[in-house]
Amino acid sequence: MTETVTPYGARKFGSRRARPVIVGVYAGAGGWQTPEHKGRLTRETAEDLRTLGFTMVRVKWRWRTHEIIIRRYLG
């Protein structure tokens, strides 16, 4: 499976080659949580997180932290 960044992700991070690292996940009932595995944010991982009930992710890319709504990221 090829890791892909969505068009929204490419605009947000300034590159199609961006590979932001997930440092937090948000679910309405539980608030912000540290993920069990700090993987890369790709279309596939965003879909998996959404299936698990998370609505936002906090990612790091190039010394900055971004909070992204998963639904918007997936477009």
C-alpha atoms as a PDB file:
ATOM      1  CA  MET A   1       0.000   0.000   0.000  1.00  0.00           C
ATOM      2  CA  THR A   2       1.485   3.351  -1.034  1.00  0.00           C
ATOM      3  CA  GLU A   3       1.503   6.112   1.550  1.00  0.00           C
ATOM      4  CA  THR A   4      -0.208   9.165   0.130  1.00  0.00           C
ATOM      5  CA  VAL A   5      -0.832  12.672   1.381  1.00  0.00           C
ATOM      6  CA  THR A   6      -4.198  14.148   0.453  1.00  0.00           C
ATOM      7  CA  PRO A   7      -4.464  17.368  -1.597  1.00  0.00           C
ATOM      8  CA  TYR A   8      -5.476  19.177   1.618  1.00  0.00           C
ATOM      9  CA  GLY A   9      -2.352  17.839   3.327  1.00  0.00           C
ATOM     10  CA  ALA A  10      -0.158  18.948   0.431  1.00  0.00           C
ATOM     11  CA  ARG A  11      -1.571  22.491   0.680  1.00  0.00           C
ATOM     12  CA  LYS A  12      -1.367  22.560   4.488  1.00  0.00           C
ATOM     13  CA  PHE A  13       2.250  21.389   4.658  1.00  0.00           C
ATOM     14  CA  GLY A  14       3.448  22.920   1.388  1.00  0.00           C
ATOM     15  CA  SER A  15       4.514  19.686  -0.285  1.00  0.00           C
ATOM     16  CA  ARG A  16       3.119  16.455  -1.695  1.00  0.00           C
ATOM     17  CA  ARG A  17       6.145  14.774  -0.115  1.00  0.00           C
ATOM     18  CA  ALA A  18       5.270  15.880   3.428  1.00  0.00           C
ATOM     19  CA  ARG A  19       5.286  13.092   6.009  1.00  0.00           C
ATOM     20  CA  PRO A  20       3.870  14.610   9.222  1.00  0.00           C
ATOM     21  CA  VAL A  21       4.139  12.520  12.403  1.00  0.00           C
ATOM     22  CA  ILE A  22       1.031  11.971  14.542  1.00  0.00           C
ATOM     23  CA  VAL A  23       1.653  13.112  18.138  1.00  0.00           C
ATOM     24  CA  GLY A  24      -1.945  13.293  19.401  1.00  0.00           C
ATOM     25  CA  VAL A  25      -5.475  12.171  18.558  1.00  0.00           C
ATOM     26  CA  TYR A  26      -8.788  13.688  19.649  1.00  0.00           C
ATOM     27  CA  ALA A  27     -12.124  12.046  20.383  1.00  0.00           C
ATOM     28  CA  GLY A  28     -15.042  14.098  21.673  1.00  0.00           C
ATOM     29  CA  ALA A  29     -15.641  11.910  24.709  1.00  0.00           C
ATOM     30  CA  GLY A  30     -12.017  11.390  25.693  1.00  0.00           C
ATOM     31  CA  GLY A  31     -10.327  14.617  24.636  1.00  0.00           C
ATOM     32  CA  TRP A  32      -6.718  14.656  23.461  1.00  0.00           C
ATOM     33  CA  GLN A  33      -4.823  11.408  23.846  1.00  0.00           C
ATOM     34  CA  THR A  34      -1.326  10.223  23.059  1.00  0.00           C
ATOM     35  CA  PRO A  35      -1.520   7.663  20.245  1.00  0.00           C
ATOM     36  CA  GLU A  36      -0.284   4.140  20.870  1.00  0.00           C
ATOM     37  CA  HIS A  37       1.861   4.334  17.747  1.00  0.00           C
ATOM     38  CA  LYS A  38       3.274   7.618  16.447  1.00  0.00           C
ATOM     39  CA  GLY A  39       3.047   6.896  12.747  1.00  0.00           C
ATOM     40  CA  ARG A  40       2.863   9.148   9.721  1.00  0.00           C
ATOM     41  CA  LEU A  41      -0.348  10.935   8.748  1.00  0.00           C
ATOM     42  CA  THR A  42      -1.429   9.553   5.390  1.00  0.00           C
ATOM     43  CA  ARG A  43      -4.811   9.004   3.792  1.00  0.00           C
ATOM     44  CA  GLU A  44      -4.770   5.429   5.066  1.00  0.00           C
ATOM     45  CA  THR A  45      -3.942   6.289   8.692  1.00  0.00           C
ATOM     46  CA  ALA A  46      -6.513   9.108   8.699  1.00  0.00           C
ATOM     47  CA  GLU A  47      -9.203   6.685   7.492  1.00  0.00           C
ATOM     48  CA  ASP A  48      -8.198   4.183  10.192  1.00  0.00           C
ATOM     49  CA  LEU A  49      -8.329   6.836  12.934  1.00  0.00           C
ATOM     50  CA  ARG A  50     -11.710   8.050  11.722  1.00  0.00           C
ATOM     51  CA  THR A  51     -13.028   4.470  11.864  1.00  0.00           C
ATOM     52  CA  LEU A  52     -11.825   4.255  15.484  1.00  0.00           C
ATOM     53  CA  GLY A  53     -13.894   7.347  16.358  1.00  0.00           C
ATOM     54  CA  PHE A  54     -11.221  10.059  16.378  1.00  0.00           C
ATOM     55  CA  THR A  55     -12.118  13.424  14.851  1.00  0.00           C
ATOM     56  CA  MET A  56      -8.833  15.370  14.947  1.00  0.00           C
ATOM     57  CA  VAL A  57      -5.115  14.708  14.868  1.00  0.00           C
ATOM     58  CA  ARG A  58      -2.188  16.712  16.155  1.00  0.00           C
ATOM     59  CA  VAL A  59       0.855  16.323  13.911  1.00  0.00           C
ATOM     60  CA  LYS A  60       4.404  17.639  13.750  1.00  0.00           C
ATOM     61  CA  TRP A  61       6.057  18.641  10.512  1.00  0.00           C
ATOM     62  CA  ARG A  62       9.151  20.798  10.106  1.00  0.00           C
ATOM     63  CA  TRP A  63       9.358  22.032  13.704  1.00  0.00           C
ATOM     64  CA  ARG A  64       5.676  23.036  13.822  1.00  0.00           C
ATOM     65  CA  THR A  65       2.637  21.416  15.366  1.00  0.00           C
ATOM     66  CA  HIS A  66      -0.676  21.414  13.485  1.00  0.00           C
ATOM     67  CA  GLU A  67      -4.155  20.340  14.577  1.00  0.00           C
ATOM     68  CA  ILE A  68      -6.143  18.917  11.683  1.00  0.00           C
ATOM     69  CA  ILE A  69      -9.766  17.844  11.414  1.00  0.00           C
ATOM     70  CA  ILE A  70      -9.710  14.358   9.913  1.00  0.00           C
ATOM     71  CA  ARG A  71     -12.857  14.905   7.829  1.00  0.00           C
ATOM     72  CA  ARG A  72     -11.296  17.997   6.229  1.00  0.00           C
ATOM     73  CA  TYR A  73      -7.997  16.180   5.645  1.00  0.00           C
ATOM     74  CA  LEU A  74      -9.778  13.365   3.817  1.00  0.00           C
ATOM     75  CA  GLY A  75     -11.845  15.840   1.786  1.00  0.00           C
END
